[in-house]
Amino acid sequence: MVLDDTNCIIDFLKCVTEFFIDESCGKCVPCRIGNVRLYEILSKFENGTASEQDIENMLVLARVMKSSSFCGLGQSAATALMTCLKYFREEFMEHIEKKCRAGVCSFSGEEVEAVL
């Protein structure tokens, strides 16, 4: 996938995670609950309530999902998240500071501050 600077990495990951939530068969807990939990944490980044601990929590959860899900869907569900954290961690940090480069996120009703 290719994204440009008009796309918010958090918004993108929420869409990807929503896909995996919808496609999960629900037979194993790591996939069924893990994807929902990832979505909840990503929502914290989107509304400006996330912390650095949430980044670590997502990484731990992603590793558990990858190693303990029953099928390939659950094992690959966290791949986009792990890749985005590897290459775009600074955007996660900016969201903690209530800044969205793309101007997409709504930080609890506050005016969105785009990072140029």
Foldseek 3Di string as FASTA:
>chain_A
DDDDLLDFLLVVLLVLLVVQCVPDPPPDCLSNVLSVVLNVLSVCLLQQNHDPVSLVVNVVSLVCQLPDPPDPSSNCSCVSVVVCCVPPVVSSVVSNVQATQNLPGCNNPDRHHHDD
